[in-house]
Amino acid sequence: MKKTNLFLIAAFLLGTAAFIAADHLDAPTVGGTTADITDFFAFEGADSNNTVFVANVQSTLAPTGEDPDFDENVLVEINIDNNGDLVEDLVIQAIPRNGKMYFFGPYAPGSTGLNSTIDANTTLQGEVMISGNGNATVETMNGLSYFAGLREDPFFFDFGTFNAVIGGDADASGPNGGFKTEDKAVDTFDGTNVLSIVVEVPNALLGGTFAHPAGTGVQVFNTWVEAKRKQ
C-alpha cells in the first residue's frame, strides 16, 4: 500500500444541495499558492443521480500567459461526513504529477483529522491531463468524471469597497452601510482565473445521509475541502 503523509493547511465546511463557500486573499501563509483554497461548491449534476464537487485554489491568476502549475506537494482532499459528527467517513483525494491530476476515492480513509494518507490500492481511481490556456480536458473512469485546470473565477466581490467599509473609510450612513448597490459594485475578480479541481460522483458511491439538523425533513451529508502539504 503506497501512502503519503500530509499536513492540513486550510479547509471549508458546508452541507450539500447547491451550496458554496468562498474565501479569497486572506490566508497570507498560503496566498498565491495552490494550497490557498478560494471556493468550494457541491451541487446536483446534470444527471440528478450524481453530485458534482468543485474545489478552486489560487485566485487572481492572469487569463493569458504561461499555464500555472499545481503544486505536487499539495493534496486537495474532499471530505464527506455521512452521520453528522463532522468527522470524515469518505474522502476524495486529488494530487498532481507531471501534468496530470490523479484522483483516489471516494473511500474510507485510514486516518481522520489533520494528517492524511493516499491509498494507491483503492479501486476507485482516475486521472486527467491538467488543462491550461486554450484547452479543457474531461475524463470519465469508473463512472466518475474528472477535470483539473484553469477556469474563470466565478466569485463576485467588490474587494475595494469591502476594505473601505472595514477600514472605516466608506460612507456608512446609507442603507447599505457603506457598501455599493449591485449596479455600482466593482467585481475585483472579473477577468481573473483560478485553478479548479472537479469531480462528478454517482450518489451511490457517497455513503449514507442524515436528517437536516434544522428539521427540514431533507436528508443531507456534510462536505468540506482541505489542502494538505506533504511533510
Protein backbone atom coordinates (compact mmCIF):
# COMPACT_ATOMS: atom_id res chain seq x y z
CA MET A 1 0.00 0.00 0.00
CA LYS A 2 1.55 3.26 -1.10
CA LYS A 3 0.99 6.04 1.41
CA THR A 4 1.97 9.70 1.61
CA ASN A 5 1.82 11.71 4.85
CA LEU A 6 0.41 15.21 4.58
CA PHE A 7 -0.43 18.14 6.87
CA LEU A 8 -3.58 20.25 6.96
CA ILE A 9 -3.30 23.87 5.80
CA ALA A 10 -6.83 25.17 5.12
CA ALA A 11 -10.40 23.94 5.00
CA PHE A 12 -14.02 24.83 4.13
CA LEU A 13 -17.13 23.16 5.52
CA LEU A 14 -20.62 23.14 4.03
CA GLY A 15 -23.72 20.99 3.74
CA THR A 16 -24.93 19.59 0.44
CA ALA A 17 -27.51 20.71 -2.13
CA ALA A 18 -26.12 23.53 -4.27
CA PHE A 19 -24.05 25.24 -1.59
CA ILE A 20 -20.93 27.36 -1.98
CA ALA A 21 -18.23 28.64 0.34
CA ALA A 22 -15.76 31.31 -0.78
CA ASP A 23 -12.53 32.72 0.60
CA HIS A 24 -10.09 34.98 -1.27
CA LEU A 25 -6.82 36.68 -0.38
CA ASP A 26 -7.00 36.32 3.39
CA ALA A 27 -4.62 33.43 4.06
CA PRO A 28 -1.16 35.06 3.99
CA THR A 29 0.77 31.87 4.77
CA VAL A 30 -0.56 30.14 1.64
CA GLY A 31 -1.59 33.08 -0.55
CA GLY A 32 -0.53 32.78 -4.16
CA THR A 33 -0.06 29.02 -3.90
CA THR A 34 -2.22 26.04 -4.79
CA ALA A 35 -2.71 25.40 -1.08
CA ASP A 36 -4.86 28.58 -0.99
CA ILE A 37 -8.50 27.42 -1.27
CA THR A 38 -10.73 30.11 -2.81
CA ASP A 39 -14.09 28.39 -3.36
CA PHE A 40 -15.79 25.07 -2.74
CA PHE A 41 -19.01 24.03 -4.48
CA ALA A 42 -21.19 20.92 -4.12
CA PHE A 43 -24.31 20.59 -6.26
CA GLU A 44 -26.54 18.15 -8.11
CA GLY A 45 -25.19 17.13 -11.51
CA ALA A 46 -27.00 17.31 -14.83
CA ASP A 47 -27.76 13.69 -14.01
CA SER A 48 -29.70 14.01 -10.73
CA ASN A 49 -28.17 10.72 -9.57
CA ASN A 50 -24.75 12.42 -9.38
CA THR A 51 -23.14 15.09 -7.20
CA VAL A 52 -20.51 17.50 -8.53
CA PHE A 53 -17.71 18.75 -6.27
CA VAL A 54 -15.60 21.77 -7.32
CA ALA A 55 -12.56 22.90 -5.33
CA ASN A 56 -10.92 26.10 -6.57
CA VAL A 57 -7.46 27.22 -5.47
CA GLN A 58 -5.07 30.14 -6.09
CA SER A 59 -7.03 33.25 -7.04
CA THR A 60 -6.22 36.25 -9.30
CA LEU A 61 -4.39 34.27 -11.97
CA ALA A 62 -3.94 36.07 -15.28
CA PRO A 63 -6.15 34.77 -18.13
CA THR A 64 -3.21 34.77 -20.52
CA GLY A 65 0.43 33.84 -20.34
CA GLU A 66 2.06 30.67 -19.14
CA ASP A 67 -0.10 27.90 -17.77
CA PRO A 68 0.20 27.87 -13.96
CA ASP A 69 1.10 24.65 -12.19
CA PHE A 70 -0.49 22.79 -9.33
CA ASP A 71 1.97 22.13 -6.50
CA GLU A 72 2.94 18.44 -6.48
CA ASN A 73 3.42 18.64 -2.70
CA VAL A 74 -0.18 19.72 -2.06
CA LEU A 75 -3.02 17.21 -1.75
CA VAL A 76 -6.56 18.53 -2.15
CA GLU A 77 -8.97 16.38 -0.15
CA ILE A 78 -12.76 16.49 -0.32
CA ASN A 79 -14.26 15.09 2.87
CA ILE A 80 -17.72 13.57 3.29
CA ASP A 81 -19.44 13.09 6.66
CA ASN A 82 -22.37 10.69 6.43
CA ASN A 83 -23.69 10.82 10.02
CA GLY A 84 -23.37 14.45 11.13
CA ASP A 85 -20.48 14.05 13.58
CA LEU A 86 -18.18 16.31 11.47
CA VAL A 87 -15.64 13.53 11.06
CA GLU A 88 -14.91 12.37 7.53
CA ASP A 89 -16.34 8.96 6.65
CA LEU A 90 -15.21 9.12 3.00
CA VAL A 91 -12.56 11.13 1.16
CA ILE A 92 -11.89 12.05 -2.46
CA GLN A 93 -8.24 12.95 -2.95
CA ALA A 94 -6.56 14.78 -5.83
CA ILE A 95 -2.83 15.24 -6.31
CA PRO A 96 -0.87 16.38 -9.39
CA ARG A 97 2.07 14.62 -11.01
CA ASN A 98 3.84 15.53 -14.26
CA GLY A 99 0.99 17.45 -15.88
CA LYS A 100 -1.82 15.14 -14.71
CA MET A 101 -4.20 15.23 -11.77
CA TYR A 102 -4.67 11.87 -10.07
CA PHE A 103 -7.84 11.10 -8.11
CA PHE A 104 -8.47 8.50 -5.40
CA GLY A 105 -11.85 7.66 -3.88
CA PRO A 106 -14.37 8.14 -2.56
CA TYR A 107 -13.17 5.64 0.02
CA ALA A 108 -12.96 5.33 3.80
CA PRO A 109 -9.71 6.97 4.98
CA GLY A 110 -7.17 5.10 7.05
CA SER A 111 -6.96 8.06 9.42
CA THR A 112 -9.00 11.22 10.05
CA GLY A 113 -8.17 14.75 11.09
CA LEU A 114 -5.06 16.77 10.29
CA ASN A 115 -2.99 14.03 8.68
CA SER A 116 -3.90 12.04 5.59
CA THR A 117 -2.51 9.18 3.55
CA ILE A 118 -3.24 8.14 -0.01
CA ASP A 119 -4.23 4.52 -0.51
CA ALA A 120 -2.96 3.90 -4.03
CA ASN A 121 -4.65 0.47 -3.98
CA THR A 122 -8.21 1.79 -3.86
CA THR A 123 -10.26 0.54 -6.79
CA LEU A 124 -11.75 3.99 -7.37
CA GLN A 125 -9.02 5.84 -9.26
CA GLY A 126 -8.96 8.32 -12.09
CA GLU A 127 -6.66 10.73 -13.86
CA VAL A 128 -6.93 13.66 -16.25
CA MET A 129 -4.49 15.90 -18.08
CA ILE A 130 -4.31 19.31 -16.41
CA SER A 131 -5.96 21.87 -18.69
CA GLY A 132 -4.31 25.23 -19.31
CA ASN A 133 -4.99 28.18 -21.57
CA GLY A 134 -6.99 27.20 -24.62
CA ASN A 135 -7.92 23.62 -23.72
CA ALA A 136 -10.29 21.75 -21.44
CA THR A 137 -9.94 18.01 -20.97
CA VAL A 138 -12.53 15.87 -19.16
CA GLU A 139 -12.06 12.16 -18.45
CA THR A 140 -14.60 9.60 -17.25
CA MET A 141 -13.44 6.46 -15.44
CA ASN A 142 -15.31 4.01 -13.20
CA GLY A 143 -18.46 6.11 -13.56
CA LEU A 144 -16.77 9.27 -12.24
CA SER A 145 -15.85 12.33 -14.34
CA TYR A 146 -12.76 14.47 -13.74
CA PHE A 147 -11.37 17.88 -14.67
CA ALA A 148 -8.40 19.89 -13.39
CA GLY A 149 -7.08 23.18 -14.69
CA LEU A 150 -7.57 26.85 -15.39
CA ARG A 151 -11.11 28.31 -15.16
CA GLU A 152 -12.54 31.82 -14.86
CA ASP A 153 -13.08 32.86 -11.23
CA PRO A 154 -16.85 32.66 -10.51
CA PHE A 155 -16.62 34.71 -7.29
CA PHE A 156 -18.16 38.23 -7.43
CA PHE A 157 -16.78 40.56 -4.77
CA ASP A 158 -16.06 44.28 -4.52
CA PHE A 159 -12.81 43.99 -2.58
CA GLY A 160 -12.03 47.72 -2.62
CA THR A 161 -15.35 48.70 -1.10
CA PHE A 162 -15.13 45.91 1.45
CA ASN A 163 -11.73 47.17 2.64
CA ALA A 164 -13.10 50.73 2.80
CA VAL A 165 -16.00 49.61 4.99
CA ILE A 166 -13.78 47.54 7.27
CA GLY A 167 -11.24 50.36 7.49
CA GLY A 168 -13.88 52.99 8.31
CA ASP A 169 -13.21 54.93 5.10
CA ALA A 170 -16.62 54.37 3.47
CA ASP A 171 -19.78 56.42 3.95
CA ALA A 172 -21.74 54.15 6.26
CA SER A 173 -24.74 56.47 6.56
CA GLY A 174 -26.61 54.99 3.61
CA PRO A 175 -28.99 51.98 3.57
CA ASN A 176 -26.15 49.63 2.59
CA GLY A 177 -23.82 50.58 5.43
CA GLY A 178 -21.16 51.83 3.04
CA PHE A 179 -21.49 49.02 0.53
CA LYS A 180 -22.37 49.87 -3.08
CA THR A 181 -25.53 48.74 -4.83
CA GLU A 182 -25.24 45.90 -7.32
CA ASP A 183 -25.19 48.19 -10.35
CA LYS A 184 -22.28 50.23 -8.94
CA ALA A 185 -20.21 47.49 -7.32
CA VAL A 186 -16.92 46.53 -8.98
CA ASP A 187 -16.09 42.83 -9.35
CA THR A 188 -12.46 42.70 -8.26
CA PHE A 189 -12.02 39.19 -9.61
CA ASP A 190 -13.57 39.80 -13.03
CA GLY A 191 -11.24 38.62 -15.80
CA THR A 192 -9.06 36.54 -13.50
CA ASN A 193 -8.72 32.77 -13.21
CA VAL A 194 -8.47 30.10 -10.57
CA LEU A 195 -7.25 26.52 -10.69
CA SER A 196 -10.22 24.16 -10.49
CA ILE A 197 -10.43 20.53 -9.42
CA VAL A 198 -13.77 18.99 -10.42
CA VAL A 199 -15.14 15.51 -9.85
CA GLU A 200 -18.66 14.25 -10.56
CA VAL A 201 -19.60 11.23 -8.47
CA PRO A 202 -22.60 8.86 -8.55
CA ASN A 203 -24.54 9.35 -5.32
CA ALA A 204 -24.45 5.59 -4.77
CA LEU A 205 -20.71 5.96 -4.00
CA LEU A 206 -21.15 8.74 -1.43
CA GLY A 207 -22.44 6.70 1.50
CA GLY A 208 -25.38 7.45 3.78
CA THR A 209 -27.19 10.63 4.77
CA PHE A 210 -28.77 12.06 7.91
CA ALA A 211 -31.74 14.30 8.64
CA HIS A 212 -31.03 18.03 8.23
CA PRO A 213 -30.38 19.49 11.73
CA ALA A 214 -32.90 22.31 11.07
CA GLY A 215 -35.71 19.78 10.88
CA THR A 216 -36.49 20.42 7.22
CA GLY A 217 -37.05 16.74 6.51
CA VAL A 218 -34.27 16.80 3.90
CA GLN A 219 -31.58 14.13 4.01
CA VAL A 220 -28.05 15.56 3.75
CA PHE A 221 -24.37 14.86 4.24
CA ASN A 222 -21.65 17.31 5.29
CA THR A 223 -18.76 18.03 2.96
CA TRP A 224 -15.64 20.17 3.24
CA VAL A 225 -12.35 20.57 1.43
CA GLU A 226 -8.80 20.70 2.75
CA ALA A 227 -5.43 21.49 1.24
CA LYS A 228 -2.66 19.42 2.81
CA ARG A 229 1.05 19.85 2.22
CA LYS A 230 3.44 16.91 2.21
CA GLN A 231 5.60 16.70 5.32
